[in-house]
Amino acid sequence: MNEYTPDRWLVVKIHGGGWPLTYKVFACWYGGYLDPDSWKMNSGITKVIESKKEYAFHGFSGSVYKCRKGGYGISSYGSMVLLSIMKKSKEAEVTMEIMPEETDWMKLIEAD
């Protein structure tokens, strides 16, 4: 099992084009002096566990994204990447929506 703790994160809702309704974490990390900014998108959220400081989003692949409360958002690099993914998805008739920050993540899977 891989664990990731992003600097910034969003949840995207994906559906359409034969794609089953799926929620995914889009995670961003800031680079440093020698390392570039980076991003990852999880395989799809299967379970959410809330603690005092973070949400643990479990994915289909077994990975866990430990997302800090207050870290909802995206870096400028991540924004460019996500916009590109969303554009390509639209061309394939797949809809991607960024979920609002005030979403009740604990009810995410049962909502739709």
PDB file of N, CA and C in Angstrom:
ATOM      1  N   MET A   1       0.848  -1.179   0.000  1.00  0.00           N
ATOM      2  CA  MET A   1       0.000   0.000   0.000  1.00  0.00           C
ATOM      3  C   MET A   1       0.893   1.243   0.000  1.00  0.00           C
ATOM      4  N   ASN A   2       0.638   2.147  -0.927  1.00  0.00           N
ATOM      5  CA  ASN A   2       1.365   3.410  -0.985  1.00  0.00           C
ATOM      6  C   ASN A   2       0.563   4.487  -0.285  1.00  0.00           C
ATOM      7  N   GLU A   3       1.257   5.346   0.440  1.00  0.00           N
ATOM      8  CA  GLU A   3       0.626   6.501   1.090  1.00  0.00           C
ATOM      9  C   GLU A   3       1.230   7.768   0.513  1.00  0.00           C
ATOM     10  N   TYR A   4       0.356   8.739   0.276  1.00  0.00           N
ATOM     11  CA  TYR A   4       0.775  10.027  -0.264  1.00  0.00           C
ATOM     12  C   TYR A   4       0.194  11.134   0.601  1.00  0.00           C
ATOM     13  N   THR A   5       0.983  12.167   0.834  1.00  0.00           N
ATOM     14  CA  THR A   5       0.519  13.326   1.593  1.00  0.00           C
ATOM     15  C   THR A   5       0.794  14.568   0.751  1.00  0.00           C
ATOM     16  N   PRO A   6      -0.186  15.001  -0.027  1.00  0.00           N
ATOM     17  CA  PRO A   6       0.030  16.140  -0.932  1.00  0.00           C
ATOM     18  C   PRO A   6       0.052  17.478  -0.198  1.00  0.00           C
ATOM     19  N   ASP A   7       0.676  18.465  -0.849  1.00  0.00           N
ATOM     20  CA  ASP A   7       0.648  19.834  -0.340  1.00  0.00           C
ATOM     21  C   ASP A   7      -0.722  20.461  -0.594  1.00  0.00           C
ATOM     22  N   ARG A   8      -1.277  20.203  -1.761  1.00  0.00           N
ATOM     23  CA  ARG A   8      -2.594  20.713  -2.157  1.00  0.00           C
ATOM     24  C   ARG A   8      -3.359  19.569  -2.796  1.00  0.00           C
ATOM     25  N   TRP A   9      -4.688  19.614  -2.731  1.00  0.00           N
ATOM     26  CA  TRP A   9      -5.492  18.522  -3.284  1.00  0.00           C
ATOM     27  C   TRP A   9      -6.884  19.005  -3.647  1.00  0.00           C
ATOM     28  N   LEU A  10      -7.468  18.301  -4.598  1.00  0.00           N
ATOM     29  CA  LEU A  10      -8.849  18.516  -5.021  1.00  0.00           C
ATOM     30  C   LEU A  10      -9.494  17.143  -5.203  1.00  0.00           C
ATOM     31  N   VAL A  11     -10.817  17.115  -5.206  1.00  0.00           N
ATOM     32  CA  VAL A  11     -11.536  15.905  -5.591  1.00  0.00           C
ATOM     33  C   VAL A  11     -12.292  16.237  -6.870  1.00  0.00           C
ATOM     34  N   VAL A  12     -12.141  15.365  -7.866  1.00  0.00           N
ATOM     35  CA  VAL A  12     -12.856  15.545  -9.129  1.00  0.00           C
ATOM     36  C   VAL A  12     -13.872  14.419  -9.301  1.00  0.00           C
ATOM     37  N   LYS A  13     -15.018  14.792  -9.857  1.00  0.00           N
ATOM     38  CA  LYS A  13     -16.093  13.846 -10.163  1.00  0.00           C
ATOM     39  C   LYS A  13     -16.006  13.573 -11.654  1.00  0.00           C
ATOM     40  N   ILE A  14     -15.951  12.290 -12.019  1.00  0.00           N
ATOM     41  CA  ILE A  14     -15.777  11.895 -13.413  1.00  0.00           C
ATOM     42  C   ILE A  14     -16.927  10.978 -13.805  1.00  0.00           C
ATOM     43  N   HIS A  15     -17.558  11.274 -14.945  1.00  0.00           N
ATOM     44  CA  HIS A  15     -18.641  10.418 -15.444  1.00  0.00           C
ATOM     45  C   HIS A  15     -18.891  10.703 -16.910  1.00  0.00           C
ATOM     46  N   GLY A  16     -19.615   9.802 -17.551  1.00  0.00           N
ATOM     47  CA  GLY A  16     -19.962   9.970 -18.963  1.00  0.00           C
ATOM     48  C   GLY A  16     -19.030   9.199 -19.874  1.00  0.00           C
ATOM     49  N   GLY A  17     -19.419   9.109 -21.141  1.00  0.00           N
ATOM     50  CA  GLY A  17     -18.594   8.434 -22.134  1.00  0.00           C
ATOM     51  C   GLY A  17     -18.349   6.972 -21.817  1.00  0.00           C
ATOM     52  N   GLY A  18     -19.306   6.341 -21.146  1.00  0.00           N
ATOM     53  CA  GLY A  18     -19.125   4.949 -20.758  1.00  0.00           C
ATOM     54  C   GLY A  18     -18.320   4.774 -19.482  1.00  0.00           C
ATOM     55  N   TRP A  19     -17.871   5.882 -18.904  1.00  0.00           N
ATOM     56  CA  TRP A  19     -17.087   5.859 -17.672  1.00  0.00           C
ATOM     57  C   TRP A  19     -18.044   5.819 -16.487  1.00  0.00           C
ATOM     58  N   PRO A  20     -17.917   4.859 -15.571  1.00  0.00           N
ATOM     59  CA  PRO A  20     -18.809   4.850 -14.403  1.00  0.00           C
ATOM     60  C   PRO A  20     -18.506   6.042 -13.497  1.00  0.00           C
ATOM     61  N   LEU A  21     -19.498   6.500 -12.775  1.00  0.00           N
ATOM     62  CA  LEU A  21     -19.305   7.616 -11.854  1.00  0.00           C
ATOM     63  C   LEU A  21     -18.168   7.287 -10.897  1.00  0.00           C
ATOM     64  N   THR A  22     -17.166   8.155 -10.883  1.00  0.00           N
ATOM     65  CA  THR A  22     -15.979   7.953 -10.061  1.00  0.00           C
ATOM     66  C   THR A  22     -15.539   9.281  -9.478  1.00  0.00           C
ATOM     67  N   TYR A  23     -15.075   9.247  -8.240  1.00  0.00           N
ATOM     68  CA  TYR A  23     -14.455  10.409  -7.604  1.00  0.00           C
ATOM     69  C   TYR A  23     -12.980  10.106  -7.437  1.00  0.00           C
ATOM     70  N   LYS A  24     -12.139  11.067  -7.786  1.00  0.00           N
ATOM     71  CA  LYS A  24     -10.694  10.874  -7.684  1.00  0.00           C
ATOM     72  C   LYS A  24     -10.044  12.054  -6.989  1.00  0.00           C
ATOM     73  N   VAL A  25      -8.968  11.764  -6.272  1.00  0.00           N
ATOM     74  CA  VAL A  25      -8.150  12.812  -5.669  1.00  0.00           C
ATOM     75  C   VAL A  25      -7.126  13.261  -6.703  1.00  0.00           C
ATOM     76  N   PHE A  26      -7.061  14.561  -6.937  1.00  0.00           N
ATOM     77  CA  PHE A  26      -6.002  15.151  -7.759  1.00  0.00           C
ATOM     78  C   PHE A  26      -5.071  15.848  -6.775  1.00  0.00           C
ATOM     79  N   ALA A  27      -3.855  15.338  -6.647  1.00  0.00           N
ATOM     80  CA  ALA A  27      -2.918  15.803  -5.624  1.00  0.00           C
ATOM     81  C   ALA A  27      -1.738  16.535  -6.249  1.00  0.00           C
ATOM     82  N   CYS A  28      -1.268  17.575  -5.558  1.00  0.00           N
ATOM     83  CA  CYS A  28      -0.135  18.371  -6.031  1.00  0.00           C
ATOM     84  C   CYS A  28       0.911  18.508  -4.928  1.00  0.00           C
ATOM     85  N   TRP A  29       2.169  18.509  -5.353  1.00  0.00           N
ATOM     86  CA  TRP A  29       3.280  18.755  -4.450  1.00  0.00           C
ATOM     87  C   TRP A  29       4.117  19.888  -5.025  1.00  0.00           C
ATOM     88  N   TYR A  30       4.570  20.770  -4.146  1.00  0.00           N
ATOM     89  CA  TYR A  30       5.465  21.846  -4.566  1.00  0.00           C
ATOM     90  C   TYR A  30       6.881  21.292  -4.649  1.00  0.00           C
ATOM     91  N   GLY A  31       7.598  21.711  -5.661  1.00  0.00           N
ATOM     92  CA  GLY A  31       8.983  21.294  -5.812  1.00  0.00           C
ATOM     93  C   GLY A  31       9.884  22.137  -4.927  1.00  0.00           C
ATOM     94  N   GLY A  32      11.131  21.865  -5.022  1.00  0.00           N
ATOM     95  CA  GLY A  32      12.122  22.626  -4.275  1.00  0.00           C
ATOM     96  C   GLY A  32      13.150  23.184  -5.224  1.00  0.00           C
ATOM     97  N   TYR A  33      14.306  23.434  -4.706  1.00  0.00           N
ATOM     98  CA  TYR A  33      15.390  24.010  -5.494  1.00  0.00           C
ATOM     99  C   TYR A  33      15.754  23.120  -6.679  1.00  0.00           C
ATOM    100  N   LEU A  34      15.848  21.808  -6.445  1.00  0.00           N
ATOM    101  CA  LEU A  34      16.258  20.902  -7.512  1.00  0.00           C
ATOM    102  C   LEU A  34      15.133  20.036  -8.061  1.00  0.00           C
ATOM    103  N   ASP A  35      14.007  20.039  -7.396  1.00  0.00           N
ATOM    104  CA  ASP A  35      12.892  19.184  -7.808  1.00  0.00           C
ATOM    105  C   ASP A  35      11.740  20.020  -8.349  1.00  0.00           C
ATOM    106  N   PRO A  36      11.133  19.564  -9.456  1.00  0.00           N
ATOM    107  CA  PRO A  36       9.988  20.302 -10.004  1.00  0.00           C
ATOM    108  C   PRO A  36       8.713  20.007  -9.208  1.00  0.00           C
ATOM    109  N   ASP A  37       7.695  20.828  -9.415  1.00  0.00           N
ATOM    110  CA  ASP A  37       6.377  20.528  -8.862  1.00  0.00           C
ATOM    111  C   ASP A  37       5.906  19.209  -9.482  1.00  0.00           C
ATOM    112  N   SER A  38       5.006  18.517  -8.784  1.00  0.00           N
ATOM    113  CA  SER A  38       4.518  17.249  -9.308  1.00  0.00           C
ATOM    114  C   SER A  38       3.046  17.069  -8.963  1.00  0.00           C
ATOM    115  N   TRP A  39       2.446  16.069  -9.574  1.00  0.00           N
ATOM    116  CA  TRP A  39       1.031  15.785  -9.352  1.00  0.00           C
ATOM    117  C   TRP A  39       0.775  14.289  -9.506  1.00  0.00           C
ATOM    118  N   LYS A  40      -0.345  13.840  -8.963  1.00  0.00           N
ATOM    119  CA  LYS A  40      -0.826  12.466  -9.113  1.00  0.00           C
ATOM    120  C   LYS A  40      -2.344  12.508  -9.027  1.00  0.00           C
ATOM    121  N   MET A  41      -2.981  11.560  -9.690  1.00  0.00           N
ATOM    122  CA  MET A  41      -4.418  11.382  -9.537  1.00  0.00           C
ATOM    123  C   MET A  41      -4.635   9.948  -9.089  1.00  0.00           C
ATOM    124  N   ASN A  42      -5.434   9.774  -8.045  1.00  0.00           N
ATOM    125  CA  ASN A  42      -5.599   8.409  -7.547  1.00  0.00           C
ATOM    126  C   ASN A  42      -6.510   7.594  -8.457  1.00  0.00           C
ATOM    127  N   SER A  43      -6.608   6.319  -8.159  1.00  0.00           N
ATOM    128  CA  SER A  43      -7.343   5.378  -9.003  1.00  0.00           C
ATOM    129  C   SER A  43      -8.854   5.479  -8.850  1.00  0.00           C
ATOM    130  N   GLY A  44      -9.305   6.192  -7.859  1.00  0.00           N
ATOM    131  CA  GLY A  44     -10.733   6.334  -7.579  1.00  0.00           C
ATOM    132  C   GLY A  44     -10.968   6.097  -6.103  1.00  0.00           C
ATOM    133  N   ILE A  45     -11.778   6.926  -5.502  1.00  0.00           N
ATOM    134  CA  ILE A  45     -12.006   6.855  -4.057  1.00  0.00           C
ATOM    135  C   ILE A  45     -12.981   5.729  -3.732  1.00  0.00           C
ATOM    136  N   THR A  46     -12.570   4.852  -2.820  1.00  0.00           N
ATOM    137  CA  THR A  46     -13.429   3.754  -2.369  1.00  0.00           C
ATOM    138  C   THR A  46     -13.922   3.953  -0.942  1.00  0.00           C
ATOM    139  N   LYS A  47     -13.146   4.719  -0.153  1.00  0.00           N
ATOM    140  CA  LYS A  47     -13.484   4.917   1.252  1.00  0.00           C
ATOM    141  C   LYS A  47     -12.801   6.181   1.737  1.00  0.00           C
ATOM    142  N   VAL A  48     -13.440   6.877   2.693  1.00  0.00           N
ATOM    143  CA  VAL A  48     -12.862   8.084   3.275  1.00  0.00           C
ATOM    144  C   VAL A  48     -12.884   7.934   4.795  1.00  0.00           C
ATOM    145  N   ILE A  49     -11.751   8.203   5.412  1.00  0.00           N
ATOM    146  CA  ILE A  49     -11.653   8.189   6.872  1.00  0.00           C
ATOM    147  C   ILE A  49     -11.211   9.576   7.315  1.00  0.00           C
ATOM    148  N   GLU A  50     -11.950  10.155   8.248  1.00  0.00           N
ATOM    149  CA  GLU A  50     -11.649  11.498   8.730  1.00  0.00           C
ATOM    150  C   GLU A  50     -10.965  11.423  10.088  1.00  0.00           C
ATOM    151  N   SER A  51      -9.916  12.212  10.251  1.00  0.00           N
ATOM    152  CA  SER A  51      -9.292  12.393  11.557  1.00  0.00           C
ATOM    153  C   SER A  51      -9.317  13.887  11.875  1.00  0.00           C
ATOM    154  N   LYS A  52      -8.738  14.261  12.967  1.00  0.00           N
ATOM    155  CA  LYS A  52      -8.771  15.662  13.388  1.00  0.00           C
ATOM    156  C   LYS A  52      -8.124  16.600  12.367  1.00  0.00           C
ATOM    157  N   LYS A  53      -7.038  16.152  11.741  1.00  0.00           N
ATOM    158  CA  LYS A  53      -6.268  17.033  10.860  1.00  0.00           C
ATOM    159  C   LYS A  53      -6.344  16.709   9.374  1.00  0.00           C
ATOM    160  N   GLU A  54      -6.901  15.531   9.026  1.00  0.00           N
ATOM    161  CA  GLU A  54      -6.853  15.154   7.618  1.00  0.00           C
ATOM    162  C   GLU A  54      -7.972  14.196   7.244  1.00  0.00           C
ATOM    163  N   TYR A  55      -8.099  14.029   5.928  1.00  0.00           N
ATOM    164  CA  TYR A  55      -8.965  13.002   5.359  1.00  0.00           C
ATOM    165  C   TYR A  55      -8.051  11.961   4.713  1.00  0.00           C
ATOM    166  N   ALA A  56      -8.331  10.700   4.939  1.00  0.00           N
ATOM    167  CA  ALA A  56      -7.587   9.618   4.289  1.00  0.00           C
ATOM    168  C   ALA A  56      -8.494   9.039   3.212  1.00  0.00           C
ATOM    169  N   PHE A  57      -8.147   9.311   1.958  1.00  0.00           N
ATOM    170  CA  PHE A  57      -8.909   8.813   0.819  1.00  0.00           C
ATOM    171  C   PHE A  57      -8.265   7.512   0.346  1.00  0.00           C
ATOM    172  N   HIS A  58      -8.989   6.416   0.444  1.00  0.00           N
ATOM    173  CA  HIS A  58      -8.511   5.108   0.007  1.00  0.00           C
ATOM    174  C   HIS A  58      -8.917   4.913  -1.449  1.00  0.00           C
ATOM    175  N   GLY A  59      -8.000   4.347  -2.249  1.00  0.00           N
ATOM    176  CA  GLY A  59      -8.260   4.159  -3.663  1.00  0.00           C
ATOM    177  C   GLY A  59      -8.421   2.707  -4.053  1.00  0.00           C
ATOM    178  N   PHE A  60      -8.919   2.500  -5.264  1.00  0.00           N
ATOM    179  CA  PHE A  60      -9.095   1.152  -5.809  1.00  0.00           C
ATOM    180  C   PHE A  60      -7.782   0.377  -5.834  1.00  0.00           C
ATOM    181  N   SER A  61      -6.662   1.067  -6.041  1.00  0.00           N
ATOM    182  CA  SER A  61      -5.358   0.402  -6.132  1.00  0.00           C
ATOM    183  C   SER A  61      -4.791   0.033  -4.764  1.00  0.00           C
ATOM    184  N   GLY A  62      -5.453   0.493  -3.692  1.00  0.00           N
ATOM    185  CA  GLY A  62      -4.952   0.248  -2.338  1.00  0.00           C
ATOM    186  C   GLY A  62      -4.172   1.409  -1.770  1.00  0.00           C
ATOM    187  N   SER A  63      -3.901   2.418  -2.587  1.00  0.00           N
ATOM    188  CA  SER A  63      -3.175   3.583  -2.101  1.00  0.00           C
ATOM    189  C   SER A  63      -4.067   4.431  -1.185  1.00  0.00           C
ATOM    190  N   VAL A  64      -3.409   5.221  -0.342  1.00  0.00           N
ATOM    191  CA  VAL A  64      -4.116   6.124   0.562  1.00  0.00           C
ATOM    192  C   VAL A  64      -3.535   7.519   0.391  1.00  0.00           C
ATOM    193  N   TYR A  65      -4.410   8.475   0.133  1.00  0.00           N
ATOM    194  CA  TYR A  65      -4.008   9.877   0.041  1.00  0.00           C
ATOM    195  C   TYR A  65      -4.434  10.550   1.335  1.00  0.00           C
ATOM    196  N   LYS A  66      -3.450  10.960   2.144  1.00  0.00           N
ATOM    197  CA  LYS A  66      -3.718  11.634   3.410  1.00  0.00           C
ATOM    198  C   LYS A  66      -3.708  13.132   3.138  1.00  0.00           C
ATOM    199  N   CYS A  67      -4.900  13.694   3.043  1.00  0.00           N
ATOM    200  CA  CYS A  67      -5.077  15.079   2.608  1.00  0.00           C
ATOM    201  C   CYS A  67      -5.412  15.972   3.794  1.00  0.00           C
ATOM    202  N   ARG A  68      -4.540  16.926   4.025  1.00  0.00           N
ATOM    203  CA  ARG A  68      -4.657  17.836   5.152  1.00  0.00           C
ATOM    204  C   ARG A  68      -5.881  18.740   5.012  1.00  0.00           C
ATOM    205  N   LYS A  69      -6.633  18.841   6.097  1.00  0.00           N
ATOM    206  CA  LYS A  69      -7.743  19.809   6.114  1.00  0.00           C
ATOM    207  C   LYS A  69      -7.118  21.194   5.970  1.00  0.00           C
ATOM    208  N   GLY A  70      -7.730  22.032   5.184  1.00  0.00           N
ATOM    209  CA  GLY A  70      -7.160  23.347   4.914  1.00  0.00           C
ATOM    210  C   GLY A  70      -6.224  23.341   3.717  1.00  0.00           C
ATOM    211  N   GLY A  71      -5.973  22.172   3.144  1.00  0.00           N
ATOM    212  CA  GLY A  71      -5.087  22.072   1.991  1.00  0.00           C
ATOM    213  C   GLY A  71      -5.837  21.937   0.680  1.00  0.00           C
ATOM    214  N   TYR A  72      -7.169  22.135   0.722  1.00  0.00           N
ATOM    215  CA  TYR A  72      -7.962  21.974  -0.494  1.00  0.00           C
ATOM    216  C   TYR A  72      -7.639  23.094  -1.463  1.00  0.00           C
ATOM    217  N   GLY A  73      -7.264  22.726  -2.651  1.00  0.00           N
ATOM    218  CA  GLY A  73      -6.894  23.702  -3.665  1.00  0.00           C
ATOM    219  C   GLY A  73      -5.886  23.080  -4.600  1.00  0.00           C
ATOM    220  N   ILE A  74      -5.244  23.918  -5.380  1.00  0.00           N
ATOM    221  CA  ILE A  74      -4.356  23.398  -6.421  1.00  0.00           C
ATOM    222  C   ILE A  74      -3.226  24.393  -6.652  1.00  0.00           C
ATOM    223  N   SER A  75      -2.076  23.891  -7.029  1.00  0.00           N
ATOM    224  CA  SER A  75      -0.956  24.759  -7.382  1.00  0.00           C
ATOM    225  C   SER A  75      -1.148  25.264  -8.814  1.00  0.00           C
ATOM    226  N   SER A  76      -0.378  26.267  -9.203  1.00  0.00           N
ATOM    227  CA  SER A  76      -0.514  26.775 -10.571  1.00  0.00           C
ATOM    228  C   SER A  76      -0.090  25.712 -11.582  1.00  0.00           C
ATOM    229  N   TYR A  77       0.932  24.955 -11.278  1.00  0.00           N
ATOM    230  CA  TYR A  77       1.342  23.853 -12.160  1.00  0.00           C
ATOM    231  C   TYR A  77       0.237  22.806 -12.233  1.00  0.00           C
ATOM    232  N   GLY A  78      -0.301  22.424 -11.089  1.00  0.00           N
ATOM    233  CA  GLY A  78      -1.385  21.446 -11.049  1.00  0.00           C
ATOM    234  C   GLY A  78      -2.598  21.920 -11.828  1.00  0.00           C
ATOM    235  N   SER A  79      -2.870  23.210 -11.759  1.00  0.00           N
ATOM    236  CA  SER A  79      -3.995  23.793 -12.485  1.00  0.00           C
ATOM    237  C   SER A  79      -3.826  23.612 -13.991  1.00  0.00           C
ATOM    238  N   MET A  80      -2.628  23.849 -14.489  1.00  0.00           N
ATOM    239  CA  MET A  80      -2.373  23.673 -15.920  1.00  0.00           C
ATOM    240  C   MET A  80      -2.559  22.211 -16.329  1.00  0.00           C
ATOM    241  N   VAL A  81      -2.058  21.298 -15.505  1.00  0.00           N
ATOM    242  CA  VAL A  81      -2.178  19.868 -15.801  1.00  0.00           C
ATOM    243  C   VAL A  81      -3.648  19.454 -15.785  1.00  0.00           C
ATOM    244  N   LEU A  82      -4.373  19.845 -14.734  1.00  0.00           N
ATOM    245  CA  LEU A  82      -5.769  19.442 -14.611  1.00  0.00           C
ATOM    246  C   LEU A  82      -6.620  20.023 -15.729  1.00  0.00           C
ATOM    247  N   LEU A  83      -6.388  21.270 -16.107  1.00  0.00           N
ATOM    248  CA  LEU A  83      -7.136  21.858 -17.226  1.00  0.00           C
ATOM    249  C   LEU A  83      -6.896  21.089 -18.519  1.00  0.00           C
ATOM    250  N   SER A  84      -5.678  20.643 -18.731  1.00  0.00           N
ATOM    251  CA  SER A  84      -5.359  19.848 -19.919  1.00  0.00           C
ATOM    252  C   SER A  84      -6.088  18.502 -19.888  1.00  0.00           C
ATOM    253  N   ILE A  85      -6.101  17.850 -18.733  1.00  0.00           N
ATOM    254  CA  ILE A  85      -6.808  16.575 -18.589  1.00  0.00           C
ATOM    255  C   ILE A  85      -8.299  16.769 -18.818  1.00  0.00           C
ATOM    256  N   MET A  86      -8.853  17.835 -18.251  1.00  0.00           N
ATOM    257  CA  MET A  86     -10.283  18.106 -18.405  1.00  0.00           C
ATOM    258  C   MET A  86     -10.638  18.382 -19.869  1.00  0.00           C
ATOM    259  N   LYS A  87      -9.774  19.074 -20.580  1.00  0.00           N
ATOM    260  CA  LYS A  87     -10.015  19.361 -21.998  1.00  0.00           C
ATOM    261  C   LYS A  87     -10.023  18.068 -22.818  1.00  0.00           C
ATOM    262  N   LYS A  88      -9.048  17.200 -22.558  1.00  0.00           N
ATOM    263  CA  LYS A  88      -8.987  15.924 -23.284  1.00  0.00           C
ATOM    264  C   LYS A  88     -10.175  15.036 -22.924  1.00  0.00           C
ATOM    265  N   SER A  89     -10.599  15.088 -21.665  1.00  0.00           N
ATOM    266  CA  SER A  89     -11.762  14.299 -21.241  1.00  0.00           C
ATOM    267  C   SER A  89     -13.015  14.761 -21.959  1.00  0.00           C
ATOM    268  N   LYS A  90     -13.175  16.074 -22.083  1.00  0.00           N
ATOM    269  CA  LYS A  90     -14.343  16.627 -22.760  1.00  0.00           C
ATOM    270  C   LYS A  90     -14.396  16.164 -24.216  1.00  0.00           C
ATOM    271  N   GLU A  91     -13.245  16.109 -24.863  1.00  0.00           N
ATOM    272  CA  GLU A  91     -13.173  15.627 -26.242  1.00  0.00           C
ATOM    273  C   GLU A  91     -13.625  14.174 -26.343  1.00  0.00           C
ATOM    274  N   ALA A  92     -13.439  13.401 -25.263  1.00  0.00           N
ATOM    275  CA  ALA A  92     -13.853  11.993 -25.226  1.00  0.00           C
ATOM    276  C   ALA A  92     -15.256  11.845 -24.636  1.00  0.00           C
ATOM    277  N   GLU A  93     -15.958  12.976 -24.486  1.00  0.00           N
ATOM    278  CA  GLU A  93     -17.318  13.015 -23.944  1.00  0.00           C
ATOM    279  C   GLU A  93     -17.411  12.484 -22.514  1.00  0.00           C
ATOM    280  N   VAL A  94     -16.338  12.720 -21.764  1.00  0.00           N
ATOM    281  CA  VAL A  94     -16.293  12.398 -20.344  1.00  0.00           C
ATOM    282  C   VAL A  94     -16.317  13.720 -19.585  1.00  0.00           C
ATOM    283  N   THR A  95     -17.184  13.814 -18.582  1.00  0.00           N
ATOM    284  CA  THR A  95     -17.318  15.033 -17.805  1.00  0.00           C
ATOM    285  C   THR A  95     -16.468  14.942 -16.536  1.00  0.00           C
ATOM    286  N   MET A  96     -15.685  15.968 -16.288  1.00  0.00           N
ATOM    287  CA  MET A  96     -14.906  16.077 -15.050  1.00  0.00           C
ATOM    288  C   MET A  96     -15.316  17.369 -14.360  1.00  0.00           C
ATOM    289  N   GLU A  97     -15.700  17.258 -13.094  1.00  0.00           N
ATOM    290  CA  GLU A  97     -16.079  18.427 -12.309  1.00  0.00           C
ATOM    291  C   GLU A  97     -15.225  18.484 -11.057  1.00  0.00           C
ATOM    292  N   ILE A  98     -14.787  19.677 -10.696  1.00  0.00           N
ATOM    293  CA  ILE A  98     -14.090  19.864  -9.422  1.00  0.00           C
ATOM    294  C   ILE A  98     -15.150  20.012  -8.344  1.00  0.00           C
ATOM    295  N   MET A  99     -15.066  19.170  -7.328  1.00  0.00           N
ATOM    296  CA  MET A  99     -16.037  19.206  -6.238  1.00  0.00           C
ATOM    297  C   MET A  99     -15.756  20.422  -5.348  1.00  0.00           C
ATOM    298  N   PRO A 100     -16.828  21.046  -4.828  1.00  0.00           N
ATOM    299  CA  PRO A 100     -16.620  22.199  -3.951  1.00  0.00           C
ATOM    300  C   PRO A 100     -15.942  21.795  -2.632  1.00  0.00           C
ATOM    301  N   GLU A 101     -15.169  22.708  -2.099  1.00  0.00           N
ATOM    302  CA  GLU A 101     -14.437  22.447  -0.843  1.00  0.00           C
ATOM    303  C   GLU A 101     -15.358  22.065   0.301  1.00  0.00           C
ATOM    304  N   GLU A 102     -16.567  22.610   0.315  1.00  0.00           N
ATOM    305  CA  GLU A 102     -17.492  22.343   1.417  1.00  0.00           C
ATOM    306  C   GLU A 102     -18.231  21.010   1.297  1.00  0.00           C
ATOM    307  N   THR A 103     -17.857  20.184   0.314  1.00  0.00           N
ATOM    308  CA  THR A 103     -18.453  18.855   0.164  1.00  0.00           C
ATOM    309  C   THR A 103     -18.229  18.036   1.433  1.00  0.00           C
ATOM    310  N   ASP A 104     -19.232  17.276   1.834  1.00  0.00           N
ATOM    311  CA  ASP A 104     -19.093  16.363   2.967  1.00  0.00           C
ATOM    312  C   ASP A 104     -18.404  15.108   2.446  1.00  0.00           C
ATOM    313  N   TRP A 105     -17.086  15.036   2.601  1.00  0.00           N
ATOM    314  CA  TRP A 105     -16.298  13.935   2.055  1.00  0.00           C
ATOM    315  C   TRP A 105     -16.701  12.591   2.641  1.00  0.00           C
ATOM    316  N   MET A 106     -17.240  12.608   3.850  1.00  0.00           N
ATOM    317  CA  MET A 106     -17.640  11.359   4.492  1.00  0.00           C
ATOM    318  C   MET A 106     -18.855  10.728   3.805  1.00  0.00           C
ATOM    319  N   LYS A 107     -19.621  11.533   3.073  1.00  0.00           N
ATOM    320  CA  LYS A 107     -20.802  11.034   2.379  1.00  0.00           C
ATOM    321  C   LYS A 107     -20.583  10.962   0.868  1.00  0.00           C
ATOM    322  N   LEU A 108     -19.372  11.136   0.440  1.00  0.00           N
ATOM    323  CA  LEU A 108     -19.062  11.226  -0.986  1.00  0.00           C
ATOM    324  C   LEU A 108     -19.482   9.987  -1.767  1.00  0.00           C
ATOM    325  N   ILE A 109     -19.124   8.835  -1.305  1.00  0.00           N
ATOM    326  CA  ILE A 109     -19.367   7.602  -2.039  1.00  0.00           C
ATOM    327  C   ILE A 109     -20.859   7.254  -2.072  1.00  0.00           C
ATOM    328  N   GLU A 110     -21.557   7.498  -0.995  1.00  0.00           N
ATOM    329  CA  GLU A 110     -22.981   7.158  -0.924  1.00  0.00           C
ATOM    330  C   GLU A 110     -23.872   8.209  -1.579  1.00  0.00           C
ATOM    331  N   ALA A 111     -23.312   9.379  -1.945  1.00  0.00           N
ATOM    332  CA  ALA A 111     -24.114  10.484  -2.476  1.00  0.00           C
ATOM    333  C   ALA A 111     -24.707  10.185  -3.845  1.00  0.00           C
ATOM    334  N   ASP A 112     -23.944   9.520  -4.708  1.00  0.00           N
ATOM    335  CA  ASP A 112     -24.423   9.293  -6.076  1.00  0.00           C
ATOM    336  C   ASP A 112     -24.615   7.858  -6.289  1.00  0.00           C
TER     337      ASP A 112
END
